[in-house]
């Protein structure tokens, strides 16, 4: 795959943890924007 993501709740804080990897910086930024649109922007 060109990219992958793992989103999980933190065990110690009231946050979601997101790990995102992509083959290129442009793809990473595109997928991050898509995920932020779904999950909301980080605090």
PDB file of N, CA and C in Angstrom:
ATOM      1  N   UNK A   1       0.828  -1.206   0.000  1.00  0.00           N
ATOM      2  CA  UNK A   1       0.000   0.000   0.000  1.00  0.00           C
ATOM      3  C   UNK A   1       0.867   1.262   0.000  1.00  0.00           C
ATOM      4  N   UNK A   2       0.299   2.327  -0.490  1.00  0.00           N
ATOM      5  CA  UNK A   2       0.997   3.611  -0.538  1.00  0.00           C
ATOM      6  C   UNK A   2       0.996   4.319   0.813  1.00  0.00           C
ATOM      7  N   UNK A   3       0.054   3.945   1.672  1.00  0.00           N
ATOM      8  CA  UNK A   3      -0.057   4.587   2.989  1.00  0.00           C
ATOM      9  C   UNK A   3      -0.810   3.660   3.939  1.00  0.00           C
ATOM     10  N   UNK A   4      -0.703   3.966   5.226  1.00  0.00           N
ATOM     11  CA  UNK A   4      -1.472   3.245   6.245  1.00  0.00           C
ATOM     12  C   UNK A   4      -1.700   4.174   7.419  1.00  0.00           C
ATOM     13  N   UNK A   5      -2.708   3.839   8.226  1.00  0.00           N
ATOM     14  CA  UNK A   5      -3.020   4.637   9.409  1.00  0.00           C
ATOM     15  C   UNK A   5      -3.499   3.711  10.520  1.00  0.00           C
ATOM     16  N   UNK A   6      -3.190   4.094  11.745  1.00  0.00           N
ATOM     17  CA  UNK A   6      -3.685   3.405  12.929  1.00  0.00           C
ATOM     18  C   UNK A   6      -4.196   4.485  13.875  1.00  0.00           C
ATOM     19  N   UNK A   7      -5.468   4.420  14.214  1.00  0.00           N
ATOM     20  CA  UNK A   7      -6.070   5.370  15.154  1.00  0.00           C
ATOM     21  C   UNK A   7      -6.584   4.563  16.334  1.00  0.00           C
ATOM     22  N   UNK A   8      -6.204   4.977  17.537  1.00  0.00           N
ATOM     23  CA  UNK A   8      -6.639   4.256  18.733  1.00  0.00           C
ATOM     24  C   UNK A   8      -6.797   5.245  19.877  1.00  0.00           C
ATOM     25  N   UNK A   9      -7.626   4.911  20.854  1.00  0.00           N
ATOM     26  CA  UNK A   9      -7.734   5.773  22.035  1.00  0.00           C
ATOM     27  C   UNK A   9      -6.497   5.617  22.910  1.00  0.00           C
ATOM     28  N   UNK A  10      -6.088   6.703  23.525  1.00  0.00           N
ATOM     29  CA  UNK A  10      -4.989   6.653  24.487  1.00  0.00           C
ATOM     30  C   UNK A  10      -5.458   5.915  25.734  1.00  0.00           C
ATOM     31  N   UNK A  11      -4.565   5.163  26.337  1.00  0.00           N
ATOM     32  CA  UNK A  11      -4.905   4.467  27.583  1.00  0.00           C
ATOM     33  C   UNK A  11      -4.790   5.362  28.807  1.00  0.00           C
ATOM     34  N   UNK A  12      -4.067   6.475  28.682  1.00  0.00           N
ATOM     35  CA  UNK A  12      -3.798   7.312  29.850  1.00  0.00           C
ATOM     36  C   UNK A  12      -4.364   8.723  29.751  1.00  0.00           C
ATOM     37  N   UNK A  13      -4.794   9.133  28.566  1.00  0.00           N
ATOM     38  CA  UNK A  13      -5.308  10.487  28.378  1.00  0.00           C
ATOM     39  C   UNK A  13      -6.581  10.421  27.535  1.00  0.00           C
ATOM     40  N   UNK A  14      -7.419  11.452  27.606  1.00  0.00           N
ATOM     41  CA  UNK A  14      -8.652  11.446  26.815  1.00  0.00           C
ATOM     42  C   UNK A  14      -8.407  11.904  25.370  1.00  0.00           C
ATOM     43  N   UNK A  15      -7.530  11.212  24.665  1.00  0.00           N
ATOM     44  CA  UNK A  15      -7.135  11.580  23.305  1.00  0.00           C
ATOM     45  C   UNK A  15      -7.183  10.371  22.392  1.00  0.00           C
ATOM     46  N   UNK A  16      -7.240  10.654  21.095  1.00  0.00           N
ATOM     47  CA  UNK A  16      -7.003   9.626  20.090  1.00  0.00           C
ATOM     48  C   UNK A  16      -5.553   9.736  19.647  1.00  0.00           C
ATOM     49  N   UNK A  17      -4.901   8.614  19.470  1.00  0.00           N
ATOM     50  CA  UNK A  17      -3.533   8.566  18.951  1.00  0.00           C
ATOM     51  C   UNK A  17      -3.609   8.132  17.495  1.00  0.00           C
ATOM     52  N   UNK A  18      -2.906   8.849  16.630  1.00  0.00           N
ATOM     53  CA  UNK A  18      -2.921   8.515  15.214  1.00  0.00           C
ATOM     54  C   UNK A  18      -1.496   8.349  14.717  1.00  0.00           C
ATOM     55  N   UNK A  19      -1.217   7.209  14.112  1.00  0.00           N
ATOM     56  CA  UNK A  19       0.056   6.957  13.440  1.00  0.00           C
ATOM     57  C   UNK A  19      -0.257   6.853  11.956  1.00  0.00           C
ATOM     58  N   UNK A  20       0.418   7.668  11.158  1.00  0.00           N
ATOM     59  CA  UNK A  20       0.150   7.726   9.726  1.00  0.00           C
ATOM     60  C   UNK A  20       1.472   7.701   8.986  1.00  0.00           C
ATOM     61  N   UNK A  21       1.594   6.816   8.004  1.00  0.00           N
ATOM     62  CA  UNK A  21       2.781   6.749   7.157  1.00  0.00           C
ATOM     63  C   UNK A  21       2.346   6.721   5.705  1.00  0.00           C
ATOM     64  N   UNK A  22       3.147   7.361   4.846  1.00  0.00           N
ATOM     65  CA  UNK A  22       2.871   7.375   3.409  1.00  0.00           C
ATOM     66  C   UNK A  22       4.189   7.374   2.652  1.00  0.00           C
ATOM     67  N   UNK A  23       4.114   6.977   1.383  1.00  0.00           N
ATOM     68  CA  UNK A  23       5.317   6.898   0.558  1.00  0.00           C
ATOM     69  C   UNK A  23       5.896   8.270   0.219  1.00  0.00           C
ATOM     70  N   UNK A  24       5.040   9.292   0.161  1.00  0.00           N
ATOM     71  CA  UNK A  24       5.509  10.642  -0.160  1.00  0.00           C
ATOM     72  C   UNK A  24       4.935  11.638   0.839  1.00  0.00           C
ATOM     73  N   UNK A  25       5.593  12.761   0.957  1.00  0.00           N
ATOM     74  CA  UNK A  25       5.119  13.824   1.846  1.00  0.00           C
ATOM     75  C   UNK A  25       3.771  14.358   1.373  1.00  0.00           C
ATOM     76  N   UNK A  26       3.602  14.483   0.064  1.00  0.00           N
ATOM     77  CA  UNK A  26       2.338  14.994  -0.478  1.00  0.00           C
ATOM     78  C   UNK A  26       1.180  14.056  -0.142  1.00  0.00           C
ATOM     79  N   UNK A  27       1.392  12.758  -0.276  1.00  0.00           N
ATOM     80  CA  UNK A  27       0.347  11.789   0.052  1.00  0.00           C
ATOM     81  C   UNK A  27       0.054  11.804   1.546  1.00  0.00           C
ATOM     82  N   UNK A  28       1.079  11.936   2.364  1.00  0.00           N
ATOM     83  CA  UNK A  28       0.894  12.017   3.811  1.00  0.00           C
ATOM     84  C   UNK A  28       0.006  13.201   4.170  1.00  0.00           C
ATOM     85  N   UNK A  29       0.290  14.358   3.596  1.00  0.00           N
ATOM     86  CA  UNK A  29      -0.493  15.557   3.894  1.00  0.00           C
ATOM     87  C   UNK A  29      -1.929  15.426   3.396  1.00  0.00           C
ATOM     88  N   UNK A  30      -2.114  14.790   2.241  1.00  0.00           N
ATOM     89  CA  UNK A  30      -3.460  14.571   1.707  1.00  0.00           C
ATOM     90  C   UNK A  30      -4.264  13.663   2.629  1.00  0.00           C
ATOM     91  N   UNK A  31      -3.689  12.552   3.035  1.00  0.00           N
ATOM     92  CA  UNK A  31      -4.399  11.604   3.894  1.00  0.00           C
ATOM     93  C   UNK A  31      -4.637  12.185   5.282  1.00  0.00           C
ATOM     94  N   UNK A  32      -3.683  12.957   5.785  1.00  0.00           N
ATOM     95  CA  UNK A  32      -3.866  13.607   7.087  1.00  0.00           C
ATOM     96  C   UNK A  32      -5.049  14.571   7.029  1.00  0.00           C
ATOM     97  N   UNK A  33      -5.154  15.337   5.949  1.00  0.00           N
ATOM     98  CA  UNK A  33      -6.276  16.268   5.797  1.00  0.00           C
ATOM     99  C   UNK A  33      -7.605  15.515   5.735  1.00  0.00           C
ATOM    100  N   UNK A  34      -7.623  14.381   5.031  1.00  0.00           N
ATOM    101  CA  UNK A  34      -8.843  13.577   4.961  1.00  0.00           C
ATOM    102  C   UNK A  34      -9.230  13.049   6.342  1.00  0.00           C
ATOM    103  N   UNK A  35      -8.256  12.578   7.097  1.00  0.00           N
ATOM    104  CA  UNK A  35      -8.542  12.052   8.435  1.00  0.00           C
ATOM    105  C   UNK A  35      -8.979  13.153   9.389  1.00  0.00           C
ATOM    106  N   UNK A  36      -8.360  14.323   9.303  1.00  0.00           N
ATOM    107  CA  UNK A  36      -8.777  15.442  10.151  1.00  0.00           C
ATOM    108  C   UNK A  36     -10.217  15.850   9.832  1.00  0.00           C
ATOM    109  N   UNK A  37     -10.612  15.756   8.561  1.00  0.00           N
ATOM    110  CA  UNK A  37     -11.988  16.093   8.184  1.00  0.00           C
ATOM    111  C   UNK A  37     -12.979  15.124   8.829  1.00  0.00           C
ATOM    112  N   UNK A  38     -12.556  13.872   8.989  1.00  0.00           N
ATOM    113  CA  UNK A  38     -13.425  12.861   9.600  1.00  0.00           C
ATOM    114  C   UNK A  38     -13.384  12.944  11.126  1.00  0.00           C
ATOM    115  N   UNK A  39     -12.178  13.039  11.691  1.00  0.00           N
ATOM    116  CA  UNK A  39     -11.993  12.954  13.142  1.00  0.00           C
ATOM    117  C   UNK A  39     -11.997  14.306  13.847  1.00  0.00           C
ATOM    118  N   UNK A  40     -11.764  15.378  13.121  1.00  0.00           N
ATOM    119  CA  UNK A  40     -11.602  16.695  13.712  1.00  0.00           C
ATOM    120  C   UNK A  40     -10.123  17.021  13.825  1.00  0.00           C
ATOM    121  N   UNK A  41      -9.801  18.300  13.906  1.00  0.00           N
ATOM    122  CA  UNK A  41      -8.403  18.706  13.988  1.00  0.00           C
ATOM    123  C   UNK A  41      -7.854  18.466  15.382  1.00  0.00           C
ATOM    124  N   UNK A  42      -6.545  18.258  15.489  1.00  0.00           N
ATOM    125  CA  UNK A  42      -5.955  18.000  16.810  1.00  0.00           C
ATOM    126  C   UNK A  42      -6.028  19.219  17.715  1.00  0.00           C
ATOM    127  N   UNK A  43      -5.995  18.957  18.985  1.00  0.00           N
ATOM    128  CA  UNK A  43      -6.020  20.028  19.993  1.00  0.00           C
ATOM    129  C   UNK A  43      -4.596  20.419  20.314  1.00  0.00           C
TER     130      UNK A  43
END
